[in-house]
Amino acid sequence: MSVLPAGDPAVVLLPHWLSEADRACLAGLVRDGLTAPGLHPVTAVHLADVLTELHVAAARDAVWPAPAARVRRVTGWADDVLPVRLSAEELDSVLGLPALPAALRATLAGRRP
């Protein structure tokens, strides 16, 4: 039996398994989004957090490669696929980027090819 955390609800981070090309594309789109005129400050914070998580995902795999390797082995995904952990708010900010390609949008929405 699990105990629920006391106090304010905790932010839940869900893994989105992205290839190296998807992560590079997402990083570029997020950087472009951060320079967009009229960007809401809260959205800017969430997009900056996404950019940080993209770097953390690569570092996490360098330090602890076994967990992601097990998932890739079971699913048959390529060796460059890593989990990028995003909150619902971060995901909404990314999905709000108008230049997000349809294939990456589908992957982030949980529909892997």
Protein backbone atom coordinates (compact mmCIF):
# COMPACT_ATOMS: atom_id res chain seq x y z
CA MET A 1 0.00 0.00 0.00
CA SER A 2 1.34 3.42 -0.94
CA VAL A 3 0.97 6.52 1.16
CA LEU A 4 -0.19 9.66 -0.59
CA PRO A 5 2.06 12.69 -0.11
CA ALA A 6 0.84 15.25 2.39
CA GLY A 7 0.39 18.88 1.43
CA ASP A 8 0.18 20.26 -2.07
CA PRO A 9 -0.09 17.77 -4.93
CA ALA A 10 3.27 16.78 -6.35
CA VAL A 11 4.13 17.42 -9.98
CA VAL A 12 4.05 14.19 -11.96
CA LEU A 13 6.70 13.73 -14.65
CA LEU A 14 5.86 11.26 -17.41
CA PRO A 15 8.54 9.81 -19.68
CA HIS A 16 8.26 10.48 -23.41
CA TRP A 17 10.63 8.18 -25.28
CA LEU A 18 12.32 10.27 -27.97
CA SER A 19 15.04 9.47 -30.49
CA GLU A 20 18.14 11.61 -30.79
CA ALA A 21 16.67 13.29 -33.88
CA ASP A 22 13.40 13.99 -32.04
CA ARG A 23 15.29 15.47 -29.08
CA ALA A 24 17.39 17.68 -31.37
CA CYS A 25 14.28 18.85 -33.22
CA LEU A 26 12.47 19.54 -29.96
CA ALA A 27 15.44 21.47 -28.54
CA GLY A 28 15.58 23.67 -31.64
CA LEU A 29 11.85 24.33 -31.54
CA VAL A 30 11.96 25.15 -27.84
CA ARG A 31 14.89 27.55 -28.36
CA ASP A 32 12.96 29.24 -31.18
CA GLY A 33 9.83 29.32 -29.03
CA LEU A 34 11.71 31.03 -26.22
CA THR A 35 12.61 33.90 -28.56
CA ALA A 36 9.06 34.32 -29.92
CA PRO A 37 7.61 37.78 -29.38
CA GLY A 38 4.72 37.91 -26.94
CA LEU A 39 5.59 34.62 -25.23
CA HIS A 40 3.75 34.34 -21.92
CA PRO A 41 6.23 34.33 -19.00
CA VAL A 42 4.80 31.12 -17.51
CA THR A 43 5.08 29.36 -20.87
CA ALA A 44 8.68 30.59 -21.10
CA VAL A 45 9.47 28.98 -17.73
CA HIS A 46 7.93 25.68 -18.83
CA LEU A 47 9.81 25.72 -22.14
CA ALA A 48 13.07 26.47 -20.33
CA ASP A 49 12.36 23.48 -18.07
CA VAL A 50 11.86 21.30 -21.17
CA LEU A 51 15.22 22.42 -22.51
CA THR A 52 16.82 21.55 -19.16
CA GLU A 53 15.18 18.11 -19.15
CA LEU A 54 16.52 17.39 -22.63
CA HIS A 55 20.03 17.90 -21.25
CA VAL A 56 19.25 15.94 -18.08
CA ALA A 57 17.92 12.98 -20.10
CA ALA A 58 21.25 12.60 -21.89
CA ALA A 59 23.21 13.00 -18.64
CA ARG A 60 20.96 10.49 -16.86
CA ASP A 61 21.62 7.93 -19.58
CA ALA A 62 25.37 8.54 -19.37
CA VAL A 63 25.39 7.94 -15.61
CA TRP A 64 22.70 5.21 -15.40
CA PRO A 65 22.43 3.57 -18.83
CA ALA A 66 20.90 0.25 -17.71
CA PRO A 67 17.24 1.29 -17.08
CA ALA A 68 16.74 2.88 -20.51
CA ALA A 69 18.67 0.05 -22.16
CA ARG A 70 16.29 -2.51 -20.65
CA VAL A 71 13.25 -0.65 -22.00
CA ARG A 72 14.83 -0.28 -25.44
CA ARG A 73 15.70 -3.98 -25.51
CA VAL A 74 12.14 -5.04 -24.60
CA THR A 75 10.44 -2.61 -27.00
CA GLY A 76 12.88 -2.99 -29.88
CA TRP A 77 13.54 0.76 -29.99
CA ALA A 78 16.84 2.09 -31.34
CA ASP A 79 19.82 2.70 -29.04
CA ASP A 80 19.39 6.49 -29.26
CA VAL A 81 15.86 6.53 -27.74
CA LEU A 82 15.81 8.09 -24.25
CA PRO A 83 13.08 9.04 -21.79
CA VAL A 84 12.43 12.77 -21.57
CA ARG A 85 10.38 13.37 -18.43
CA LEU A 86 7.83 16.17 -18.76
CA SER A 87 5.10 17.53 -16.53
CA ALA A 88 1.63 18.15 -17.95
CA GLU A 89 2.34 21.89 -18.03
CA GLU A 90 5.64 21.40 -19.86
CA LEU A 91 3.98 19.08 -22.36
CA ASP A 92 1.17 21.58 -22.97
CA SER A 93 3.76 24.31 -23.60
CA VAL A 94 5.55 22.11 -26.14
CA LEU A 95 2.32 21.05 -27.85
CA GLY A 96 1.47 24.75 -28.13
CA LEU A 97 4.48 25.38 -30.38
CA PRO A 98 3.04 25.99 -33.86
CA ALA A 99 6.09 24.60 -35.70
CA LEU A 100 5.99 21.21 -33.90
CA PRO A 101 6.03 18.49 -36.61
CA ALA A 102 3.04 16.14 -36.68
CA ALA A 103 5.16 13.03 -36.09
CA LEU A 104 6.80 14.51 -33.00
CA ARG A 105 3.43 15.80 -31.79
CA ALA A 106 2.03 12.25 -32.09
CA THR A 107 5.00 10.79 -30.22
CA LEU A 108 4.62 13.31 -27.40
CA ALA A 109 0.88 12.61 -27.28
CA GLY A 110 1.70 8.97 -26.59
CA ARG A 111 1.25 7.52 -30.06
CA ARG A 112 4.55 5.96 -31.08
CA PRO A 113 4.78 4.61 -34.64
